[in-house]
N, C-alpha and C. Protein backbone atom coordinates (compact mmCIF):
# COMPACT_ATOMS: atom_id res chain seq x y z
N TRP A 1 -103.66 137.30 -151.21
CA TRP A 1 -103.66 136.51 -150.00
C TRP A 1 -105.02 135.89 -149.74
N ASN A 2 -106.09 136.54 -150.06
CA ASN A 2 -107.42 136.06 -149.71
C ASN A 2 -107.77 134.74 -150.39
N ALA A 3 -107.26 134.48 -151.58
CA ALA A 3 -107.62 133.26 -152.29
C ALA A 3 -106.67 132.10 -151.98
N ASN A 4 -105.54 132.35 -151.39
CA ASN A 4 -104.56 131.29 -151.17
C ASN A 4 -105.07 130.11 -150.36
N PRO A 5 -105.78 130.29 -149.25
CA PRO A 5 -106.27 129.12 -148.51
C PRO A 5 -107.21 128.25 -149.34
N LEU A 6 -108.05 128.87 -150.13
CA LEU A 6 -108.96 128.12 -150.98
C LEU A 6 -108.19 127.34 -152.04
N LEU A 7 -107.23 127.99 -152.68
CA LEU A 7 -106.43 127.31 -153.70
C LEU A 7 -105.59 126.18 -153.10
N CYS A 8 -105.05 126.40 -151.93
CA CYS A 8 -104.25 125.36 -151.28
C CYS A 8 -105.11 124.16 -150.92
N SER A 9 -106.29 124.39 -150.40
CA SER A 9 -107.15 123.26 -150.04
C SER A 9 -107.60 122.50 -151.28
N ALA A 10 -107.87 123.21 -152.37
CA ALA A 10 -108.25 122.54 -153.62
C ALA A 10 -107.08 121.71 -154.15
N GLY A 11 -105.88 122.22 -154.04
CA GLY A 11 -104.70 121.49 -154.49
C GLY A 11 -104.46 120.23 -153.67
N VAL A 12 -104.66 120.31 -152.37
CA VAL A 12 -104.49 119.14 -151.51
C VAL A 12 -105.50 118.06 -151.87
N VAL A 13 -106.75 118.46 -152.07
CA VAL A 13 -107.79 117.49 -152.44
C VAL A 13 -107.47 116.87 -153.80
N ALA A 14 -107.03 117.68 -154.76
CA ALA A 14 -106.69 117.16 -156.08
C ALA A 14 -105.55 116.15 -155.98
N CYS A 15 -104.55 116.45 -155.21
CA CYS A 15 -103.42 115.52 -155.06
C CYS A 15 -103.87 114.20 -154.44
N LYS A 16 -104.77 114.26 -153.49
CA LYS A 16 -105.28 113.02 -152.89
C LYS A 16 -106.05 112.19 -153.91
N LEU A 17 -106.78 112.86 -154.80
CA LEU A 17 -107.53 112.14 -155.83
C LEU A 17 -106.59 111.48 -156.83
N TYR A 18 -105.49 112.12 -157.16
CA TYR A 18 -104.58 111.64 -158.20
C TYR A 18 -103.60 110.59 -157.70
N GLN A 19 -103.47 110.41 -156.40
CA GLN A 19 -102.46 109.49 -155.86
C GLN A 19 -102.67 108.06 -156.30
N SER A 20 -103.91 107.64 -156.46
CA SER A 20 -104.18 106.24 -156.80
C SER A 20 -103.81 105.93 -158.25
N GLY A 21 -103.79 106.93 -159.11
CA GLY A 21 -103.51 106.72 -160.52
C GLY A 21 -104.75 106.35 -161.33
N GLU A 22 -105.88 106.18 -160.67
CA GLU A 22 -107.10 105.79 -161.36
C GLU A 22 -107.58 106.85 -162.36
N PRO A 23 -107.57 108.15 -162.02
CA PRO A 23 -108.00 109.14 -163.02
C PRO A 23 -107.12 109.12 -164.27
N GLN A 24 -105.81 108.94 -164.10
CA GLN A 24 -104.91 108.90 -165.24
C GLN A 24 -105.19 107.66 -166.10
N LYS A 25 -105.47 106.54 -165.47
CA LYS A 25 -105.76 105.31 -166.20
C LYS A 25 -107.03 105.47 -167.03
N LYS A 26 -108.07 106.03 -166.43
CA LYS A 26 -109.32 106.22 -167.16
C LYS A 26 -109.14 107.20 -168.31
N THR A 27 -108.34 108.24 -168.10
CA THR A 27 -108.09 109.21 -169.16
C THR A 27 -107.35 108.56 -170.33
N CYS A 28 -106.37 107.72 -170.04
CA CYS A 28 -105.64 107.02 -171.10
C CYS A 28 -106.56 106.08 -171.87
N GLU A 29 -107.44 105.38 -171.16
CA GLU A 29 -108.37 104.47 -171.82
C GLU A 29 -109.33 105.25 -172.73
N LEU A 30 -109.83 106.37 -172.26
CA LEU A 30 -110.73 107.19 -173.06
C LEU A 30 -110.02 107.76 -174.28
N ALA A 31 -108.77 108.20 -174.10
CA ALA A 31 -108.01 108.74 -175.23
C ALA A 31 -107.77 107.66 -176.28
N ALA A 32 -107.47 106.45 -175.85
CA ALA A 32 -107.27 105.35 -176.80
C ALA A 32 -108.56 105.05 -177.55
N TYR A 33 -109.67 105.08 -176.85
CA TYR A 33 -110.97 104.84 -177.48
C TYR A 33 -111.29 105.92 -178.51
N LEU A 34 -111.09 107.18 -178.11
CA LEU A 34 -111.42 108.30 -179.00
C LEU A 34 -110.48 108.38 -180.20
N SER A 35 -109.24 107.95 -180.04
CA SER A 35 -108.30 108.03 -181.16
C SER A 35 -108.69 107.08 -182.29
N GLY A 36 -109.42 106.02 -181.98
CA GLY A 36 -109.86 105.10 -183.01
C GLY A 36 -111.32 105.26 -183.37
N TRP A 37 -111.95 106.29 -182.87
CA TRP A 37 -113.39 106.50 -183.01
C TRP A 37 -113.82 106.74 -184.45
N GLY A 38 -113.07 107.51 -185.21
CA GLY A 38 -113.47 107.87 -186.56
C GLY A 38 -113.07 106.86 -187.62
N GLU A 39 -112.44 105.80 -187.24
CA GLU A 39 -111.93 104.83 -188.23
C GLU A 39 -112.98 103.81 -188.60
């Protein structure tokens, strides 16, 4: 029980960050860059 409020608040903040889709877009761009890095 003692850690639940902390975990819940971290989850709420994470969801707010992910709503825009910007982190996912940057991750996909980086993955595409890295997949062709050794060629």
